[in-house]
Amino acid sequence: MSASKILTVIAVLTLAGLTGLAPRVSTAADGDGQAAFAECAACHTADGTNQVGPTLKSIVGRNSASVPGFAYSNAMKRAQLQWTTEQLDEYIANPQAVVPGNVMPYAGMADATRRAALIAYLATLK
């Protein structure tokens, strides 16, 4: 295969979000992020208030266990994560694998497209 064909394939795969070199760009509008948030809303808010879980407002870029006034588990306090889109994707897929011993009673979201839409929506919560 010629170099130009290889570059074309890489460009197409990158635009499709399939290479792992660049995250898939998703929006709440094209991926039902708000609908996916309904699973989170059982315990979390998007408005800055804490409920059973801490608020998810401004979560993207925030450090784990850093919302004032929320009583985090010891496991989450020890985790010392930064909630990048990549870290959120991994955590939402399988919370117990990322932070063993956390007390969030959620098994995870297996569907990568749904997670991407959710994370795109979370990124809008400023």
N, C-alpha and C. Protein backbone atom coordinates (compact mmCIF):
# COMPACT_ATOMS: atom_id res chain seq x y z
N MET A 1 0.85 -1.17 0.00
CA MET A 1 0.00 0.00 0.00
C MET A 1 0.90 1.23 0.00
N SER A 2 0.53 2.23 -0.79
CA SER A 2 1.34 3.44 -0.89
C SER A 2 1.19 4.29 0.37
N ALA A 3 2.15 5.18 0.58
CA ALA A 3 2.13 6.06 1.74
C ALA A 3 0.89 6.94 1.74
N SER A 4 0.46 7.43 0.57
CA SER A 4 -0.72 8.29 0.52
C SER A 4 -1.98 7.52 0.89
N LYS A 5 -2.07 6.23 0.49
CA LYS A 5 -3.23 5.42 0.87
C LYS A 5 -3.23 5.15 2.37
N ILE A 6 -2.06 4.91 2.93
CA ILE A 6 -1.96 4.68 4.37
C ILE A 6 -2.41 5.92 5.13
N LEU A 7 -1.96 7.09 4.68
CA LEU A 7 -2.36 8.33 5.34
C LEU A 7 -3.87 8.55 5.21
N THR A 8 -4.44 8.21 4.07
CA THR A 8 -5.88 8.34 3.88
C THR A 8 -6.63 7.42 4.85
N VAL A 9 -6.17 6.18 4.99
CA VAL A 9 -6.81 5.24 5.91
C VAL A 9 -6.70 5.75 7.35
N ILE A 10 -5.53 6.24 7.72
CA ILE A 10 -5.35 6.78 9.07
C ILE A 10 -6.28 7.96 9.29
N ALA A 11 -6.40 8.85 8.32
CA ALA A 11 -7.29 10.00 8.45
C ALA A 11 -8.73 9.58 8.63
N VAL A 12 -9.18 8.61 7.85
CA VAL A 12 -10.56 8.14 7.96
C VAL A 12 -10.79 7.48 9.32
N LEU A 13 -9.86 6.64 9.74
CA LEU A 13 -10.01 5.99 11.04
C LEU A 13 -9.99 6.98 12.18
N THR A 14 -9.14 7.99 12.08
CA THR A 14 -9.07 9.02 13.11
C THR A 14 -10.38 9.78 13.18
N LEU A 15 -10.91 10.18 12.03
CA LEU A 15 -12.19 10.88 12.02
C LEU A 15 -13.30 10.02 12.60
N ALA A 16 -13.22 8.74 12.39
CA ALA A 16 -14.22 7.83 12.93
C ALA A 16 -13.95 7.48 14.40
N GLY A 17 -12.81 7.92 14.93
CA GLY A 17 -12.47 7.65 16.32
C GLY A 17 -12.04 6.22 16.56
N LEU A 18 -11.49 5.56 15.54
CA LEU A 18 -11.19 4.14 15.66
C LEU A 18 -9.72 3.80 15.86
N THR A 19 -8.84 4.77 15.84
CA THR A 19 -7.42 4.44 15.95
C THR A 19 -6.92 4.43 17.38
N GLY A 20 -7.60 5.09 18.27
CA GLY A 20 -7.09 5.23 19.62
C GLY A 20 -6.10 6.38 19.72
N LEU A 21 -5.76 6.98 18.57
CA LEU A 21 -4.83 8.11 18.57
C LEU A 21 -5.52 9.39 18.97
N ALA A 22 -6.80 9.48 18.70
CA ALA A 22 -7.56 10.67 19.05
C ALA A 22 -8.91 10.21 19.57
N PRO A 23 -9.40 10.87 20.62
CA PRO A 23 -10.71 10.48 21.14
C PRO A 23 -11.81 10.81 20.14
N ARG A 24 -12.85 10.01 20.16
CA ARG A 24 -14.00 10.27 19.30
C ARG A 24 -14.69 11.53 19.79
N VAL A 25 -14.95 12.43 18.88
CA VAL A 25 -15.67 13.65 19.23
C VAL A 25 -17.15 13.33 19.18
N SER A 26 -17.81 13.56 20.28
CA SER A 26 -19.23 13.27 20.38
C SER A 26 -19.91 14.46 21.00
N THR A 27 -21.16 14.63 20.72
CA THR A 27 -21.93 15.68 21.35
C THR A 27 -23.15 15.08 22.00
N ALA A 28 -23.71 15.79 22.94
CA ALA A 28 -24.92 15.31 23.60
C ALA A 28 -26.02 15.15 22.57
N ALA A 29 -26.07 16.03 21.58
CA ALA A 29 -27.14 15.97 20.58
C ALA A 29 -27.04 14.72 19.72
N ASP A 30 -25.83 14.31 19.35
CA ASP A 30 -25.73 13.16 18.45
C ASP A 30 -25.61 11.84 19.19
N GLY A 31 -25.51 11.85 20.50
CA GLY A 31 -25.30 10.60 21.20
C GLY A 31 -26.18 10.36 22.41
N ASP A 32 -27.21 11.13 22.56
CA ASP A 32 -28.13 10.91 23.69
C ASP A 32 -27.43 10.97 25.04
N GLY A 33 -26.50 11.90 25.19
CA GLY A 33 -25.79 12.04 26.46
C GLY A 33 -26.69 12.37 27.62
N GLN A 34 -27.67 13.22 27.38
CA GLN A 34 -28.59 13.56 28.44
C GLN A 34 -29.42 12.35 28.84
N ALA A 35 -29.82 11.54 27.88
CA ALA A 35 -30.57 10.32 28.19
C ALA A 35 -29.71 9.35 28.99
N ALA A 36 -28.44 9.24 28.63
CA ALA A 36 -27.53 8.36 29.36
C ALA A 36 -27.32 8.86 30.78
N PHE A 37 -27.39 10.18 30.97
CA PHE A 37 -27.22 10.77 32.30
C PHE A 37 -28.34 10.34 33.25
N ALA A 38 -29.46 9.91 32.72
CA ALA A 38 -30.57 9.48 33.57
C ALA A 38 -30.13 8.38 34.53
N GLU A 39 -29.22 7.51 34.08
CA GLU A 39 -28.70 6.48 34.98
C GLU A 39 -27.93 7.10 36.15
N CYS A 40 -27.23 8.17 35.88
CA CYS A 40 -26.43 8.85 36.90
C CYS A 40 -27.32 9.65 37.85
N ALA A 41 -28.40 10.21 37.29
CA ALA A 41 -29.26 11.12 38.04
C ALA A 41 -29.97 10.46 39.21
N ALA A 42 -29.94 9.15 39.29
CA ALA A 42 -30.51 8.49 40.45
C ALA A 42 -29.74 8.90 41.72
N CYS A 43 -28.46 9.23 41.58
CA CYS A 43 -27.63 9.58 42.74
C CYS A 43 -26.89 10.90 42.61
N HIS A 44 -26.70 11.39 41.37
CA HIS A 44 -25.90 12.58 41.12
C HIS A 44 -26.75 13.68 40.50
N THR A 45 -26.34 14.94 40.72
CA THR A 45 -26.99 16.06 40.07
C THR A 45 -26.04 16.70 39.07
N ALA A 46 -26.59 17.56 38.24
CA ALA A 46 -25.81 18.33 37.28
C ALA A 46 -25.79 19.81 37.67
N ASP A 47 -26.37 20.14 38.82
CA ASP A 47 -26.56 21.55 39.17
C ASP A 47 -25.64 22.07 40.27
N GLY A 48 -24.72 21.26 40.74
CA GLY A 48 -23.79 21.73 41.76
C GLY A 48 -24.13 21.29 43.17
N THR A 49 -25.27 20.63 43.36
CA THR A 49 -25.62 20.14 44.69
C THR A 49 -25.25 18.67 44.82
N ASN A 50 -24.92 18.30 46.03
CA ASN A 50 -24.60 16.90 46.32
C ASN A 50 -25.86 16.18 46.75
N GLN A 51 -25.96 14.93 46.37
CA GLN A 51 -27.08 14.08 46.79
C GLN A 51 -26.47 12.82 47.41
N VAL A 52 -26.94 11.66 47.02
CA VAL A 52 -26.33 10.41 47.46
C VAL A 52 -24.89 10.35 46.95
N GLY A 53 -24.68 10.88 45.74
CA GLY A 53 -23.35 11.00 45.15
C GLY A 53 -23.00 12.47 44.99
N PRO A 54 -21.74 12.78 44.73
CA PRO A 54 -21.35 14.18 44.54
C PRO A 54 -21.89 14.72 43.22
N THR A 55 -22.03 16.02 43.15
CA THR A 55 -22.46 16.64 41.90
C THR A 55 -21.50 16.29 40.77
N LEU A 56 -22.04 16.19 39.57
CA LEU A 56 -21.20 15.95 38.40
C LEU A 56 -20.98 17.23 37.60
N LYS A 57 -21.48 18.34 38.12
CA LYS A 57 -21.22 19.64 37.49
C LYS A 57 -19.71 19.90 37.53
N SER A 58 -19.15 20.28 36.40
CA SER A 58 -17.72 20.59 36.26
C SER A 58 -16.81 19.41 36.58
N ILE A 59 -17.28 18.20 36.32
CA ILE A 59 -16.46 17.01 36.64
C ILE A 59 -15.26 16.87 35.71
N VAL A 60 -15.43 17.20 34.44
CA VAL A 60 -14.32 17.01 33.50
C VAL A 60 -13.18 17.97 33.86
N GLY A 61 -12.03 17.41 34.17
CA GLY A 61 -10.86 18.18 34.58
C GLY A 61 -10.68 18.27 36.08
N ARG A 62 -11.69 17.88 36.84
CA ARG A 62 -11.64 17.95 38.30
C ARG A 62 -10.88 16.75 38.86
N ASN A 63 -10.31 16.92 40.03
CA ASN A 63 -9.68 15.81 40.73
C ASN A 63 -10.74 14.99 41.45
N SER A 64 -10.51 13.70 41.56
CA SER A 64 -11.45 12.85 42.28
C SER A 64 -11.48 13.24 43.76
N ALA A 65 -12.60 12.96 44.38
CA ALA A 65 -12.79 13.21 45.83
C ALA A 65 -12.53 14.66 46.20
N SER A 66 -12.95 15.60 45.35
CA SER A 66 -12.63 17.00 45.60
C SER A 66 -13.84 17.92 45.73
N VAL A 67 -15.04 17.40 45.71
CA VAL A 67 -16.23 18.26 45.85
C VAL A 67 -16.42 18.58 47.33
N PRO A 68 -16.41 19.86 47.67
CA PRO A 68 -16.59 20.23 49.07
C PRO A 68 -17.94 19.74 49.61
N GLY A 69 -17.90 19.27 50.85
CA GLY A 69 -19.13 18.87 51.52
C GLY A 69 -19.60 17.46 51.22
N PHE A 70 -18.88 16.71 50.38
CA PHE A 70 -19.29 15.34 50.10
C PHE A 70 -18.38 14.38 50.86
N ALA A 71 -18.98 13.37 51.49
CA ALA A 71 -18.23 12.37 52.27
C ALA A 71 -17.84 11.21 51.35
N TYR A 72 -16.65 11.26 50.81
CA TYR A 72 -16.15 10.24 49.90
C TYR A 72 -15.69 9.00 50.66
N SER A 73 -15.73 7.87 49.97
CA SER A 73 -15.20 6.63 50.54
C SER A 73 -13.68 6.75 50.65
N ASN A 74 -13.10 5.94 51.53
CA ASN A 74 -11.65 5.93 51.66
C ASN A 74 -10.99 5.52 50.35
N ALA A 75 -11.60 4.58 49.64
CA ALA A 75 -11.04 4.13 48.35
C ALA A 75 -10.97 5.29 47.36
N MET A 76 -12.01 6.08 47.30
CA MET A 76 -12.01 7.22 46.36
C MET A 76 -11.02 8.28 46.80
N LYS A 77 -10.91 8.50 48.08
CA LYS A 77 -9.92 9.48 48.59
C LYS A 77 -8.50 9.05 48.22
N ARG A 78 -8.23 7.76 48.29
CA ARG A 78 -6.89 7.25 47.96
C ARG A 78 -6.62 7.24 46.46
N ALA A 79 -7.65 7.22 45.65
CA ALA A 79 -7.50 7.04 44.20
C ALA A 79 -6.68 8.14 43.53
N GLN A 80 -6.85 9.36 43.95
CA GLN A 80 -6.12 10.50 43.39
C GLN A 80 -6.13 10.52 41.87
N LEU A 81 -7.32 10.51 41.30
CA LEU A 81 -7.50 10.55 39.86
C LEU A 81 -7.79 11.97 39.41
N GLN A 82 -7.56 12.21 38.14
CA GLN A 82 -8.08 13.43 37.53
C GLN A 82 -9.11 12.97 36.51
N TRP A 83 -10.29 13.57 36.55
CA TRP A 83 -11.39 13.14 35.69
C TRP A 83 -11.24 13.72 34.28
N THR A 84 -10.29 13.19 33.56
CA THR A 84 -10.18 13.49 32.14
C THR A 84 -11.27 12.70 31.41
N THR A 85 -11.50 13.00 30.15
CA THR A 85 -12.50 12.23 29.41
C THR A 85 -12.08 10.76 29.33
N GLU A 86 -10.79 10.51 29.19
CA GLU A 86 -10.30 9.14 29.11
C GLU A 86 -10.49 8.41 30.44
N GLN A 87 -10.19 9.09 31.54
CA GLN A 87 -10.34 8.47 32.86
C GLN A 87 -11.81 8.23 33.18
N LEU A 88 -12.66 9.19 32.82
CA LEU A 88 -14.10 8.99 33.02
C LEU A 88 -14.61 7.80 32.22
N ASP A 89 -14.14 7.66 30.99
CA ASP A 89 -14.56 6.54 30.16
C ASP A 89 -14.21 5.22 30.83
N GLU A 90 -13.00 5.11 31.31
CA GLU A 90 -12.56 3.89 31.97
C GLU A 90 -13.37 3.63 33.25
N TYR A 91 -13.58 4.69 34.03
CA TYR A 91 -14.30 4.55 35.30
C TYR A 91 -15.78 4.19 35.08
N ILE A 92 -16.43 4.89 34.16
CA ILE A 92 -17.85 4.63 33.91
C ILE A 92 -18.05 3.22 33.36
N ALA A 93 -17.08 2.71 32.61
CA ALA A 93 -17.18 1.36 32.07
C ALA A 93 -17.15 0.32 33.19
N ASN A 94 -16.32 0.55 34.21
CA ASN A 94 -16.18 -0.43 35.28
C ASN A 94 -15.62 0.25 36.53
N PRO A 95 -16.48 0.90 37.32
CA PRO A 95 -16.00 1.65 38.48
C PRO A 95 -15.17 0.84 39.47
N GLN A 96 -15.57 -0.41 39.73
CA GLN A 96 -14.84 -1.21 40.72
C GLN A 96 -13.44 -1.60 40.24
N ALA A 97 -13.26 -1.74 38.94
CA ALA A 97 -11.93 -2.07 38.42
C ALA A 97 -10.98 -0.88 38.54
N VAL A 98 -11.51 0.32 38.37
CA VAL A 98 -10.67 1.53 38.43
C VAL A 98 -10.41 1.95 39.86
N VAL A 99 -11.43 1.89 40.71
CA VAL A 99 -11.28 2.25 42.12
C VAL A 99 -11.86 1.11 42.97
N PRO A 100 -11.06 0.06 43.17
CA PRO A 100 -11.55 -1.06 43.98
C PRO A 100 -11.94 -0.58 45.38
N GLY A 101 -13.10 -1.03 45.81
CA GLY A 101 -13.56 -0.66 47.14
C GLY A 101 -14.38 0.61 47.19
N ASN A 102 -14.59 1.27 46.04
CA ASN A 102 -15.45 2.45 46.08
C ASN A 102 -16.87 1.99 46.40
N VAL A 103 -17.67 2.88 46.93
CA VAL A 103 -19.00 2.48 47.40
C VAL A 103 -20.11 2.84 46.43
N MET A 104 -19.78 3.30 45.25
CA MET A 104 -20.81 3.62 44.27
C MET A 104 -21.45 2.32 43.79
N PRO A 105 -22.75 2.15 44.02
CA PRO A 105 -23.41 0.89 43.64
C PRO A 105 -23.81 0.88 42.17
N TYR A 106 -22.84 0.90 41.30
CA TYR A 106 -23.08 0.94 39.86
C TYR A 106 -22.13 -0.03 39.19
N ALA A 107 -22.68 -0.94 38.39
CA ALA A 107 -21.87 -1.98 37.76
C ALA A 107 -21.08 -1.48 36.56
N GLY A 108 -21.50 -0.36 35.98
CA GLY A 108 -20.78 0.18 34.83
C GLY A 108 -21.64 0.22 33.58
N MET A 109 -21.18 0.99 32.61
CA MET A 109 -21.88 1.16 31.33
C MET A 109 -21.01 0.52 30.26
N ALA A 110 -21.46 -0.61 29.75
CA ALA A 110 -20.66 -1.38 28.79
C ALA A 110 -20.60 -0.75 27.40
N ASP A 111 -21.64 -0.06 26.98
CA ASP A 111 -21.73 0.47 25.63
C ASP A 111 -20.83 1.70 25.46
N ALA A 112 -19.76 1.56 24.67
CA ALA A 112 -18.78 2.63 24.48
C ALA A 112 -19.39 3.87 23.83
N THR A 113 -20.34 3.69 22.92
CA THR A 113 -20.98 4.84 22.27
C THR A 113 -21.82 5.61 23.27
N ARG A 114 -22.52 4.90 24.11
CA ARG A 114 -23.34 5.54 25.15
C ARG A 114 -22.44 6.27 26.16
N ARG A 115 -21.31 5.65 26.52
CA ARG A 115 -20.36 6.32 27.43
C ARG A 115 -19.82 7.59 26.82
N ALA A 116 -19.46 7.54 25.54
CA ALA A 116 -18.93 8.72 24.85
C ALA A 116 -19.96 9.84 24.86
N ALA A 117 -21.21 9.50 24.60
CA ALA A 117 -22.27 10.51 24.62
C ALA A 117 -22.46 11.08 26.02
N LEU A 118 -22.42 10.22 27.02
CA LEU A 118 -22.55 10.68 28.41
C LEU A 118 -21.40 11.62 28.77
N ILE A 119 -20.20 11.24 28.42
CA ILE A 119 -19.03 12.07 28.77
C ILE A 119 -19.08 13.41 28.03
N ALA A 120 -19.53 13.40 26.80
CA ALA A 120 -19.71 14.66 26.05
C ALA A 120 -20.72 15.55 26.77
N TYR A 121 -21.78 14.95 27.27
CA TYR A 121 -22.78 15.72 28.03
C TYR A 121 -22.16 16.24 29.33
N LEU A 122 -21.45 15.39 30.05
CA LEU A 122 -20.82 15.82 31.30
C LEU A 122 -19.88 17.00 31.07
N ALA A 123 -19.20 17.01 29.92
CA ALA A 123 -18.28 18.11 29.60
C ALA A 123 -19.01 19.44 29.43
N THR A 124 -20.30 19.40 29.18
CA THR A 124 -21.07 20.65 29.03
C THR A 124 -21.53 21.21 30.37
N LEU A 125 -21.40 20.46 31.42
CA LEU A 125 -21.89 20.87 32.75
C LEU A 125 -20.86 21.76 33.43
N LYS A 126 -20.94 23.02 33.17
CA LYS A 126 -19.98 23.98 33.72
C LYS A 126 -20.57 24.78 34.85
